[in-house]
Amino acid sequence: MQILYVTPAVAPYHGSGDLAEISGALPAALQGLGMKVTVVAPFWKGVRPEQYGLARRIRKLTVPLGHGSAEVGFLEGKLRNADVSLLLLDHPESFQTDDGKGNEHRRYYLLARAALEAARELSLNVDLVHANGWESGFVPLLLQDDAVPALAGVKLIFTIPEVEHNQLFEPGILEDLQLGYRHFNPEGIEFHGRVNLLKAGVLHADRLIVWSERYARELQTEEHGAGLHGLFRAQAGKLRGFLHGLDPATWTPMNDHRLAERYDGDSLTGKEACKRALQAELGLPIRPQLPLFLMVGPLSPGRGADLLLRALPSLLAQKLQLVLLGPTAPELTGPLSDAVAANTQNLAYRPELDGDLLRQALAGADVLLALPAQDPAGLLVMKALRYGTLPLCRRVGALADLVIDADPTSGSGNGFCTGGSREDLERTVLRVLSAYGQRRLWLQLTRTAMRQTNNLELSARRTLEVYQSALDQA
C-alpha cells in the first residue's frame, strides 16, 4: 500500500505540537507494518537541511497557483531514525517568511497542490492520501475536482487534530485561487459566510480520524463541536477515534540519557534522584517529603492556566511545590510574575522549554496538572504516565480515555480527575496530598501509571485498519 502523507508540520523539522509529533512518528510505524509512506510538508524557515541530511532536488516543479504558477523546489531525505521518504516543499515566498498574514490561503493551497503534483511527478502509484489538519483542507477539494488526474479515485483519509484551531477565510480566496464558487454553499465549504477548509475534509474524506474515542463523541456535541456538531453527527459513520501512542524506545525513563538517574517501575529510587535534580535546577528547596506539581505550557486560558491562577493562593497554602514551564499568555504574565516573586520557596517558573527540560521535569515531578478545556490527543499525559508522574486532569478528550481516577480504598487508578471550577481543583489537590502521604498507595498508583501500554505500533495498526476499510469501500 502506497501512502501519501500530507501534513503542515513534522517533528523534528518544524513544530513541537501533537500534530507535528504524530506526523514524525506514525509514518515510520506504518512503514514498519509494510506500508510505503511518503511524507510531504513545507520547508519552513529555521529548518537546517544539513542538520538532517536533506538533499535539494535539482529539478523544480511548476505548480498552478491562482492566475499564474509557482516554481516549487524539494528537499529530499528520510524521517529521523526511519526509512520513510520525506519531501519538504521549498517555496520561500510561502514558507520562509514570518509575514504570512493575508496569504495563508495561498500557502496552504500550495502545500496541497504541490504534494499531489509531486506524487504524480515521482510516479508514486498512490493508493491513499492521508491529509492532516485544516491546513491540508485544499487536498480534499483538489481530489474532488480531479485537479491532478493521475490521482483520480484515490481514497482520502483526513485527520482532525483539534476543531477549535480552525482558520476561516473570506470567500474571495476562491476567486484568487481560481477554484470558483461551486463548493461555496451551506452543503459545502461555506460556514457563516466564510470558507471553512476543515469542512472540506469532513465532507469529502472517505474516513475521518481523531485522536481519541471520547473526542470523536465530543465533536458531535454543541459544547465541543465548534459549530460543526451537526455535520459531525451526519458524518459519524466515517468518523474513527482512537488514541495515538508513543514510541516506547523514545519515551522510557530507563532508556533516557537526559535524566539525572534512570529508573523503571520496579525501582523508583531513580525518580527520587530526578526530583532532587529538578528542584536544584529550578532553585527550589530540596524537600522530598513535599509533592512536586508540574504544569507545562503554553500557559494560557485554553490550557487551564487561568484556572490554576485562581486557585493558586489556596494551593500554595498547602504543603507542596509547583513548577510552571513554558511561555505565558500576555494577560497572565503579570499575575504569574507576582505569584512567583511572593512564593520563591514553593513556586518556580521557567518560560523557556526545550525537549531536555521537559523530560527532566516529567521525571522529577510527582503530579502533572493537565487542565485544558479540550485535549484531543493527550500525548503529554501519556508521557507523564510513562515517567511515573500522575496526571491531575479534567475529563475531556483523550484525557478521559487515558486517566482512571485513583481510589484510595482499592488502590486502583493512575491519576486524579477533576472538574472545571476552582473549587473542584482545590478539592482534588487535597485528594492528591492525602494519597501522597500514604507511601504504599502512592507507589502502587505510580507503578500502575508506568504500565500504560499506549504504544505507537498499536495506533499504527488502528490507522492501517482505517486505511483498509476505506480501500474496501465500494
Protein backbone atom coordinates (compact mmCIF):
# COMPACT_ATOMS: atom_id res chain seq x y z
CA MET A 1 0.00 0.00 0.00
CA GLN A 2 1.44 3.38 -1.07
CA ILE A 3 0.52 6.28 1.20
CA LEU A 4 0.96 10.00 0.51
CA TYR A 5 1.02 11.65 3.95
CA VAL A 6 0.42 15.42 3.77
CA THR A 7 0.97 17.49 6.89
CA PRO A 8 1.68 21.16 7.72
CA ALA A 9 4.27 20.20 10.33
CA VAL A 10 6.51 17.24 11.07
CA ALA A 11 8.84 16.92 14.04
CA PRO A 12 11.71 17.48 14.44
CA TYR A 13 11.90 19.52 11.25
CA HIS A 14 9.25 22.02 12.30
CA GLY A 15 6.79 22.29 15.16
CA SER A 16 6.54 20.66 18.55
CA GLY A 17 2.79 20.17 18.92
CA ASP A 18 0.82 16.94 18.81
CA LEU A 19 0.26 17.08 15.04
CA ALA A 20 3.96 17.56 14.31
CA GLU A 21 4.96 14.84 16.74
CA ILE A 22 2.47 12.30 15.38
CA SER A 23 3.43 13.19 11.80
CA GLY A 24 7.05 12.49 12.67
CA ALA A 25 6.35 9.13 14.30
CA LEU A 26 3.25 7.48 12.82
CA PRO A 27 4.55 7.15 9.22
CA ALA A 28 7.57 5.22 10.49
CA ALA A 29 5.33 2.85 12.43
CA LEU A 30 3.15 2.38 9.34
CA GLN A 31 6.22 1.62 7.27
CA GLY A 32 7.14 -1.00 9.87
CA LEU A 33 3.83 -2.70 9.12
CA GLY A 34 4.67 -2.99 5.44
CA MET A 35 3.27 0.28 4.10
CA LYS A 36 5.22 2.53 1.73
CA VAL A 37 4.84 6.08 3.07
CA THR A 38 5.95 9.40 1.58
CA VAL A 39 5.61 12.38 3.93
CA VAL A 40 5.17 15.83 2.36
CA ALA A 41 5.42 19.01 4.44
CA PRO A 42 6.55 22.62 3.95
CA PHE A 43 10.20 23.60 4.21
CA TRP A 44 9.65 26.16 6.95
CA LYS A 45 12.00 28.91 7.98
CA GLY A 46 14.54 27.77 10.54
CA VAL A 47 14.99 24.24 9.25
CA ARG A 48 18.66 23.48 8.53
CA PRO A 49 18.92 20.89 5.73
CA GLU A 50 22.48 19.88 6.63
CA GLN A 51 21.40 19.03 10.18
CA TYR A 52 19.08 16.32 8.89
CA GLY A 53 20.92 15.18 5.78
CA LEU A 54 18.37 16.66 3.39
CA ALA A 55 19.37 16.95 -0.28
CA ARG A 56 17.98 19.54 -2.67
CA ARG A 57 16.31 18.07 -5.76
CA ILE A 58 17.72 19.72 -8.87
CA ARG A 59 14.52 19.79 -10.88
CA LYS A 60 11.73 22.05 -9.64
CA LEU A 61 8.02 21.55 -10.14
CA THR A 62 5.73 24.09 -11.78
CA VAL A 63 2.52 24.22 -9.76
CA PRO A 64 -0.65 26.13 -10.74
CA LEU A 65 -1.32 28.90 -8.24
CA GLY A 66 -4.20 31.28 -8.77
CA HIS A 67 -3.86 33.22 -12.03
CA GLY A 68 -0.31 32.03 -12.51
CA SER A 69 2.05 29.34 -11.29
CA ALA A 70 4.78 28.79 -8.73
CA GLU A 71 8.16 27.11 -9.01
CA VAL A 72 8.44 24.71 -6.10
CA GLY A 73 11.66 23.03 -5.13
CA PHE A 74 12.10 19.95 -2.96
CA LEU A 75 14.38 18.86 -0.21
CA GLU A 76 14.53 15.08 -0.04
CA GLY A 77 15.52 12.88 2.83
CA LYS A 78 14.29 10.38 5.39
CA LEU A 79 12.35 10.81 8.58
CA ARG A 80 14.66 10.77 11.57
CA ASN A 81 15.63 7.22 12.56
CA ALA A 82 13.32 5.72 9.93
CA ASP A 83 13.38 4.61 6.29
CA VAL A 84 10.44 6.84 5.36
CA SER A 85 10.71 9.19 2.39
CA LEU A 86 10.38 12.87 3.28
CA LEU A 87 9.75 15.73 0.85
CA LEU A 88 9.89 19.29 2.14
CA LEU A 89 8.35 21.83 -0.24
CA ASP A 90 10.69 24.74 -0.93
CA HIS A 91 8.87 27.95 -1.86
CA PRO A 92 10.44 30.85 0.03
CA GLU A 93 7.58 33.32 -0.57
CA SER A 94 5.20 30.92 1.15
CA PHE A 95 7.21 29.07 3.77
CA GLN A 96 10.35 31.08 4.51
CA THR A 97 8.69 34.30 5.62
CA ASP A 98 7.38 35.32 9.04
CA ASP A 99 4.71 37.51 7.47
CA GLY A 100 2.07 35.11 6.20
CA LYS A 101 -0.93 37.18 7.27
CA GLY A 102 -3.44 37.54 4.46
CA ASN A 103 -1.57 34.98 2.39
CA GLU A 104 -2.29 31.78 4.32
CA HIS A 105 -4.74 30.54 1.71
CA ARG A 106 -2.03 30.60 -0.97
CA ARG A 107 0.47 28.99 1.40
CA TYR A 108 -1.76 26.02 2.16
CA TYR A 109 -3.15 25.69 -1.35
CA LEU A 110 0.46 25.33 -2.45
CA LEU A 111 1.06 22.65 0.18
CA ALA A 112 -1.89 20.62 -1.12
CA ARG A 113 -1.35 21.14 -4.83
CA ALA A 114 2.42 20.62 -4.73
CA ALA A 115 2.05 17.44 -2.66
CA LEU A 116 -0.35 15.95 -5.21
CA GLU A 117 1.72 17.13 -8.17
CA ALA A 118 4.86 15.66 -6.57
CA ALA A 119 3.16 12.27 -6.27
CA ARG A 120 2.39 12.44 -9.99
CA GLU A 121 5.86 13.67 -10.91
CA LEU A 122 7.57 10.92 -8.91
CA SER A 123 5.18 8.19 -10.16
CA LEU A 124 4.39 7.12 -6.61
CA ASN A 125 1.35 4.99 -7.59
CA VAL A 126 -0.52 6.32 -4.57
CA ASP A 127 -3.31 4.13 -3.17
CA LEU A 128 -4.37 6.54 -0.47
CA VAL A 129 -3.78 10.15 0.61
CA HIS A 130 -3.71 10.94 4.32
CA ALA A 131 -4.17 14.70 4.88
CA ASN A 132 -3.80 16.26 8.32
CA GLY A 133 -5.41 19.38 9.78
CA TRP A 134 -7.34 22.25 8.26
CA GLU A 135 -4.08 23.41 6.68
CA SER A 136 -4.38 20.36 4.37
CA GLY A 137 -8.02 21.14 3.61
CA PHE A 138 -7.36 22.01 -0.03
CA VAL A 139 -6.34 18.37 -0.62
CA PRO A 140 -9.94 17.06 -0.50
CA LEU A 141 -11.14 19.87 -2.77
CA LEU A 142 -8.44 19.18 -5.34
CA LEU A 143 -9.12 15.44 -5.29
CA GLN A 144 -12.85 16.08 -5.54
CA ASP A 145 -12.28 18.20 -8.65
CA ASP A 146 -9.77 15.75 -10.21
CA ALA A 147 -7.27 18.61 -10.37
CA VAL A 148 -4.47 16.04 -10.67
CA PRO A 149 -5.91 13.34 -12.99
CA ALA A 150 -3.18 10.85 -12.09
CA LEU A 151 -4.72 10.65 -8.60
CA ALA A 152 -8.35 10.35 -9.70
CA GLY A 153 -10.26 7.94 -7.50
CA VAL A 154 -7.59 7.74 -4.81
CA LYS A 155 -9.03 7.28 -1.33
CA LEU A 156 -8.65 10.08 1.22
CA ILE A 157 -8.16 9.94 4.99
CA PHE A 158 -8.43 13.23 6.88
CA THR A 159 -7.17 13.76 10.43
CA ILE A 160 -8.78 16.45 12.59
CA PRO A 161 -6.27 17.38 15.32
CA GLU A 162 -8.44 19.97 17.08
CA VAL A 163 -11.61 21.54 15.72
CA GLU A 164 -11.18 24.75 17.72
CA HIS A 165 -7.95 25.60 15.88
CA ASN A 166 -9.59 26.09 12.51
CA GLN A 167 -8.91 29.20 10.46
CA LEU A 168 -11.72 30.65 8.34
CA PHE A 169 -11.24 32.62 5.12
CA GLU A 170 -13.14 35.22 3.15
CA PRO A 171 -14.84 33.78 0.04
CA GLY A 172 -12.64 35.94 -2.21
CA ILE A 173 -9.81 33.42 -1.79
CA LEU A 174 -11.71 31.06 -4.09
CA GLU A 175 -11.51 33.59 -6.90
CA ASP A 176 -7.86 34.35 -6.09
CA LEU A 177 -7.02 30.66 -6.37
CA GLN A 178 -9.18 30.15 -9.47
CA LEU A 179 -11.23 27.49 -7.69
CA GLY A 180 -14.62 29.01 -8.45
CA TYR A 181 -17.61 29.09 -6.12
CA ARG A 182 -19.22 25.72 -6.85
CA HIS A 183 -18.20 24.40 -3.42
CA PHE A 184 -19.21 27.57 -1.60
CA ASN A 185 -22.65 26.74 -0.22
CA PRO A 186 -24.00 25.53 3.15
CA GLU A 187 -23.77 21.90 1.99
CA GLY A 188 -20.16 22.54 1.00
CA ILE A 189 -17.35 24.60 2.49
CA GLU A 190 -19.36 27.71 3.38
CA PHE A 191 -19.60 28.42 7.11
CA HIS A 192 -21.38 31.60 8.23
CA GLY A 193 -20.37 33.35 5.03
CA ARG A 194 -16.73 32.25 5.11
CA VAL A 195 -14.63 29.41 3.72
CA ASN A 196 -14.07 26.51 6.13
CA LEU A 197 -11.37 24.15 4.87
CA LEU A 198 -11.99 21.72 7.72
CA LYS A 199 -15.47 21.16 6.28
CA ALA A 200 -13.87 20.12 3.00
CA GLY A 201 -12.12 17.27 4.78
CA VAL A 202 -15.17 16.26 6.78
CA LEU A 203 -17.38 16.21 3.68
CA HIS A 204 -15.09 14.64 1.10
CA ALA A 205 -12.79 12.27 3.00
CA ASP A 206 -13.54 8.57 2.93
CA ARG A 207 -12.59 8.29 6.60
CA LEU A 208 -12.01 10.81 9.38
CA ILE A 209 -9.54 10.22 12.21
CA VAL A 210 -9.43 11.94 15.60
CA TRP A 211 -7.10 11.06 18.42
CA SER A 212 -9.44 9.56 21.00
CA GLU A 213 -12.80 7.83 21.23
CA ARG A 214 -14.00 10.47 23.67
CA TYR A 215 -13.09 13.30 21.31
CA ALA A 216 -14.96 11.61 18.46
CA ARG A 217 -18.10 11.77 20.64
CA GLU A 218 -17.38 15.31 21.86
CA LEU A 219 -17.22 16.66 18.31
CA GLN A 220 -20.85 15.69 17.88
CA THR A 221 -21.94 17.93 20.79
CA GLU A 222 -22.73 21.62 20.72
CA GLU A 223 -20.25 22.27 23.53
CA HIS A 224 -17.21 20.86 21.72
CA GLY A 225 -18.12 20.82 18.02
CA ALA A 226 -17.26 24.49 17.28
CA GLY A 227 -20.47 24.93 15.35
CA LEU A 228 -19.89 21.80 13.25
CA HIS A 229 -21.53 19.32 15.63
CA GLY A 230 -24.43 18.72 13.25
CA LEU A 231 -22.04 17.94 10.41
CA PHE A 232 -20.05 15.55 12.60
CA ARG A 233 -23.25 13.77 13.57
CA ALA A 234 -24.20 13.45 9.90
CA GLN A 235 -20.73 12.09 9.07
CA ALA A 236 -20.40 9.91 12.17
CA GLY A 237 -20.32 6.74 10.07
CA LYS A 238 -16.86 7.57 8.77
CA LEU A 239 -15.50 9.09 12.00
CA ARG A 240 -12.90 6.97 13.81
CA GLY A 241 -11.44 7.88 17.19
CA PHE A 242 -8.56 6.10 18.89
CA LEU A 243 -5.55 7.03 20.97
CA HIS A 244 -2.26 7.60 19.23
CA GLY A 245 0.68 6.13 21.05
CA LEU A 246 4.28 6.87 21.92
CA ASP A 247 7.40 5.10 20.78
CA PRO A 248 8.48 3.10 23.87
CA ALA A 249 12.11 3.30 22.79
CA THR A 250 11.91 7.10 22.83
CA TRP A 251 9.75 7.70 25.90
CA THR A 252 11.01 5.33 28.59
CA PRO A 253 12.82 6.60 31.70
CA MET A 254 15.05 3.53 31.84
CA ASN A 255 16.49 4.46 28.41
CA ASP A 256 16.54 8.25 28.81
CA HIS A 257 20.13 9.52 29.00
CA ARG A 258 18.94 13.08 29.73
CA LEU A 259 17.84 12.17 33.25
CA ALA A 260 19.87 12.55 36.42
CA GLU A 261 19.27 8.86 37.03
CA ARG A 262 17.36 6.26 35.04
CA TYR A 263 14.59 4.19 36.59
CA ASP A 264 11.65 1.91 35.96
CA GLY A 265 8.56 0.75 37.84
CA ASP A 266 10.45 -1.91 39.76
CA SER A 267 12.87 0.58 41.29
CA LEU A 268 11.79 4.20 41.70
CA THR A 269 14.85 5.47 43.55
CA GLY A 270 16.00 7.00 40.27
CA LYS A 271 12.83 9.07 40.10
CA GLU A 272 13.60 10.44 43.55
CA ALA A 273 17.05 11.47 42.26
CA CYS A 274 15.40 13.17 39.27
CA LYS A 275 13.16 15.12 41.65
CA ARG A 276 16.13 16.39 43.62
CA ALA A 277 17.88 17.37 40.39
CA LEU A 278 14.83 19.27 39.14
CA GLN A 279 14.41 21.12 42.45
CA ALA A 280 18.09 22.12 42.35
CA GLU A 281 17.88 23.19 38.69
CA LEU A 282 14.90 25.46 39.34
CA GLY A 283 16.10 26.87 42.67
CA LEU A 284 13.52 25.17 44.87
CA PRO A 285 14.41 23.77 48.30
CA ILE A 286 15.14 20.05 48.09
CA ARG A 287 12.24 18.67 50.11
CA PRO A 288 11.37 15.11 49.06
CA GLN A 289 8.53 14.94 51.56
CA LEU A 290 6.54 17.51 49.54
CA PRO A 291 4.75 16.51 46.34
CA LEU A 292 6.01 18.43 43.33
CA PHE A 293 3.29 19.54 40.89
CA LEU A 294 4.11 20.45 37.28
CA MET A 295 2.23 22.41 34.61
CA VAL A 296 3.63 22.56 31.08
CA GLY A 297 2.78 25.47 28.78
CA PRO A 298 1.80 27.28 26.80
CA LEU A 299 0.33 28.75 29.98
CA SER A 300 -2.89 30.15 28.58
CA PRO A 301 -6.59 30.23 29.49
CA GLY A 302 -7.33 27.50 26.95
CA ARG A 303 -4.80 25.23 28.67
CA GLY A 304 -6.22 25.86 32.15
CA ALA A 305 -3.58 28.30 33.44
CA ASP A 306 -6.25 30.83 34.37
CA LEU A 307 -7.98 28.17 36.48
CA LEU A 308 -4.70 27.39 38.20
CA LEU A 309 -4.00 31.06 38.93
CA ARG A 310 -7.42 31.48 40.54
CA ALA A 311 -6.73 28.53 42.79
CA LEU A 312 -3.07 29.40 43.41
CA PRO A 313 -3.41 31.15 46.80
CA SER A 314 -5.27 28.17 48.21
CA LEU A 315 -2.88 25.63 46.67
CA LEU A 316 0.29 27.36 47.83
CA ALA A 317 -1.07 27.41 51.36
CA GLN A 318 -0.73 23.61 51.26
CA LYS A 319 2.47 21.65 51.73
CA LEU A 320 3.51 21.27 48.10
CA GLN A 321 5.80 22.65 45.41
CA LEU A 322 4.73 23.83 41.97
CA VAL A 323 6.75 24.18 38.76
CA LEU A 324 5.44 26.05 35.70
CA LEU A 325 7.25 25.65 32.38
CA GLY A 326 6.70 27.29 29.02
CA PRO A 327 5.57 30.60 27.52
CA THR A 328 2.74 32.52 29.15
CA ALA A 329 -0.23 34.26 27.55
CA PRO A 330 0.18 38.08 27.85
CA GLU A 331 -2.89 38.50 30.06
CA LEU A 332 -1.50 36.01 32.60
CA THR A 333 2.13 37.19 32.64
CA GLY A 334 1.68 39.85 35.33
CA PRO A 335 -0.27 37.72 37.83
CA LEU A 336 2.14 34.83 37.34
CA SER A 337 5.22 37.00 37.88
CA ASP A 338 3.70 38.43 41.06
CA ALA A 339 2.92 34.94 42.37
CA VAL A 340 6.46 33.67 41.68
CA ALA A 341 8.03 36.68 43.41
CA ALA A 342 5.88 36.13 46.51
CA ASN A 343 6.41 32.34 46.73
CA THR A 344 10.05 31.56 46.00
CA GLN A 345 10.13 28.57 48.36
CA ASN A 346 7.38 26.58 46.69
CA LEU A 347 6.81 28.07 43.21
CA ALA A 348 9.22 28.14 40.26
CA TYR A 349 8.70 29.33 36.71
CA ARG A 350 10.82 28.86 33.60
CA PRO A 351 9.49 30.42 30.37
CA GLU A 352 11.94 28.55 28.14
CA LEU A 353 11.07 24.93 27.49
CA ASP A 354 13.15 22.57 25.40
CA GLY A 355 12.92 18.82 24.97
CA ASP A 356 15.58 18.02 27.55
CA LEU A 357 13.98 20.13 30.27
CA LEU A 358 10.57 18.61 29.52
CA ARG A 359 11.92 15.12 30.05
CA GLN A 360 13.73 16.13 33.24
CA ALA A 361 10.56 17.78 34.54
CA LEU A 362 8.36 14.79 33.76
CA ALA A 363 10.84 12.52 35.53
CA GLY A 364 11.23 14.82 38.54
CA ALA A 365 7.61 15.79 39.15
CA ASP A 366 5.11 13.77 41.16
CA VAL A 367 1.95 15.23 39.56
CA LEU A 368 1.20 16.74 36.14
CA LEU A 369 -1.54 19.38 36.09
CA ALA A 370 -3.41 18.91 32.79
CA LEU A 371 -6.37 21.29 32.86
CA PRO A 372 -7.28 22.17 29.25
CA ALA A 373 -10.86 22.62 28.14
CA GLN A 374 -10.03 20.24 25.28
CA ASP A 375 -7.23 17.75 24.71
CA PRO A 376 -7.84 15.58 21.64
CA ALA A 377 -4.56 13.63 21.75
CA GLY A 378 -3.25 13.58 25.32
CA LEU A 379 0.39 12.99 24.30
CA LEU A 380 1.77 14.98 27.25
CA VAL A 381 -0.28 12.93 29.69
CA MET A 382 0.92 9.72 28.01
CA LYS A 383 4.50 10.86 28.56
CA ALA A 384 3.80 11.74 32.19
CA LEU A 385 2.31 8.28 32.80
CA ARG A 386 5.36 6.64 31.25
CA TYR A 387 7.60 8.60 33.61
CA GLY A 388 5.54 7.78 36.68
CA THR A 389 4.11 11.28 37.09
CA LEU A 390 0.43 11.06 37.95
CA PRO A 391 -1.89 13.32 35.94
CA LEU A 392 -4.40 15.58 37.63
CA CYS A 393 -6.72 16.34 34.75
CA ARG A 394 -10.16 17.26 33.53
CA ARG A 395 -12.30 14.56 31.89
CA VAL A 396 -12.03 15.87 28.33
CA GLY A 397 -10.91 14.36 25.03
CA ALA A 398 -8.12 11.83 25.25
CA LEU A 399 -7.62 12.53 28.96
CA ALA A 400 -10.94 10.84 29.71
CA ASP A 401 -9.73 7.78 27.81
CA LEU A 402 -6.30 7.74 29.46
CA VAL A 403 -6.79 8.56 33.14
CA ILE A 404 -8.59 6.42 35.71
CA ASP A 405 -9.39 8.29 38.92
CA ALA A 406 -7.47 6.99 41.92
CA ASP A 407 -9.41 5.00 44.53
CA PRO A 408 -7.54 5.04 47.87
CA THR A 409 -9.57 2.10 49.17
CA SER A 410 -8.75 -0.36 46.40
CA GLY A 411 -5.51 1.29 45.25
CA SER A 412 -6.74 1.32 41.65
CA GLY A 413 -6.28 4.17 39.21
CA ASN A 414 -3.43 6.03 37.56
CA GLY A 415 -4.26 9.69 38.24
CA PHE A 416 -6.79 12.15 39.57
CA CYS A 417 -9.79 13.58 37.75
CA THR A 418 -11.26 16.99 38.49
CA GLY A 419 -13.95 19.34 37.28
CA GLY A 420 -13.53 22.72 35.64
CA SER A 421 -14.01 25.03 38.63
CA ARG A 422 -11.57 26.44 41.16
CA GLU A 423 -13.37 24.59 43.96
CA ASP A 424 -13.09 21.29 42.05
CA LEU A 425 -9.36 21.79 41.58
CA GLU A 426 -8.78 22.67 45.23
CA ARG A 427 -10.68 19.58 46.39
CA THR A 428 -8.77 17.34 44.00
CA VAL A 429 -5.41 18.70 45.16
CA LEU A 430 -6.39 17.77 48.73
CA ARG A 431 -7.09 14.22 47.49
CA VAL A 432 -3.63 14.15 45.89
CA LEU A 433 -1.98 15.31 49.12
CA SER A 434 -3.79 12.62 51.07
CA ALA A 435 -2.69 9.91 48.63
CA TYR A 436 0.89 11.20 48.57
CA GLY A 437 1.02 10.87 52.35
CA GLN A 438 0.28 7.14 52.01
CA ARG A 439 3.58 5.79 50.70
CA ARG A 440 2.37 2.35 49.71
CA LEU A 441 -0.67 3.72 47.89
CA TRP A 442 1.40 6.30 46.01
CA LEU A 443 3.91 3.71 44.84
CA GLN A 444 1.08 1.48 43.64
CA LEU A 445 -0.52 4.31 41.68
CA THR A 446 2.85 5.25 40.19
CA ARG A 447 3.60 1.71 39.06
CA THR A 448 0.12 1.38 37.57
CA ALA A 449 0.72 4.59 35.60
CA MET A 450 4.03 3.33 34.26
CA ARG A 451 2.41 0.14 32.96
CA GLN A 452 0.32 2.10 30.43
CA THR A 453 0.55 0.43 27.01
CA ASN A 454 -0.38 3.25 24.63
CA ASN A 455 2.33 2.37 22.14
CA LEU A 456 2.95 3.58 18.63
CA GLU A 457 2.63 0.20 16.93
CA LEU A 458 -0.90 -0.26 18.27
CA SER A 459 -2.01 3.14 16.94
CA ALA A 460 -0.36 2.34 13.60
CA ARG A 461 -2.36 -0.88 13.41
CA ARG A 462 -5.56 1.02 14.14
CA THR A 463 -4.65 3.54 11.43
CA LEU A 464 -3.99 0.71 8.99
CA GLU A 465 -7.44 -0.71 9.75
CA VAL A 466 -8.93 2.67 8.84
CA TYR A 467 -6.94 2.72 5.60
CA GLN A 468 -8.08 -0.77 4.69
CA SER A 469 -11.74 -0.02 5.43
CA ALA A 470 -11.55 2.98 3.09
CA LEU A 471 -9.95 0.91 0.33
CA ASP A 472 -12.54 -1.83 0.75
CA GLN A 473 -15.38 0.66 0.39
CA ALA A 474 -17.05 0.43 -3.00
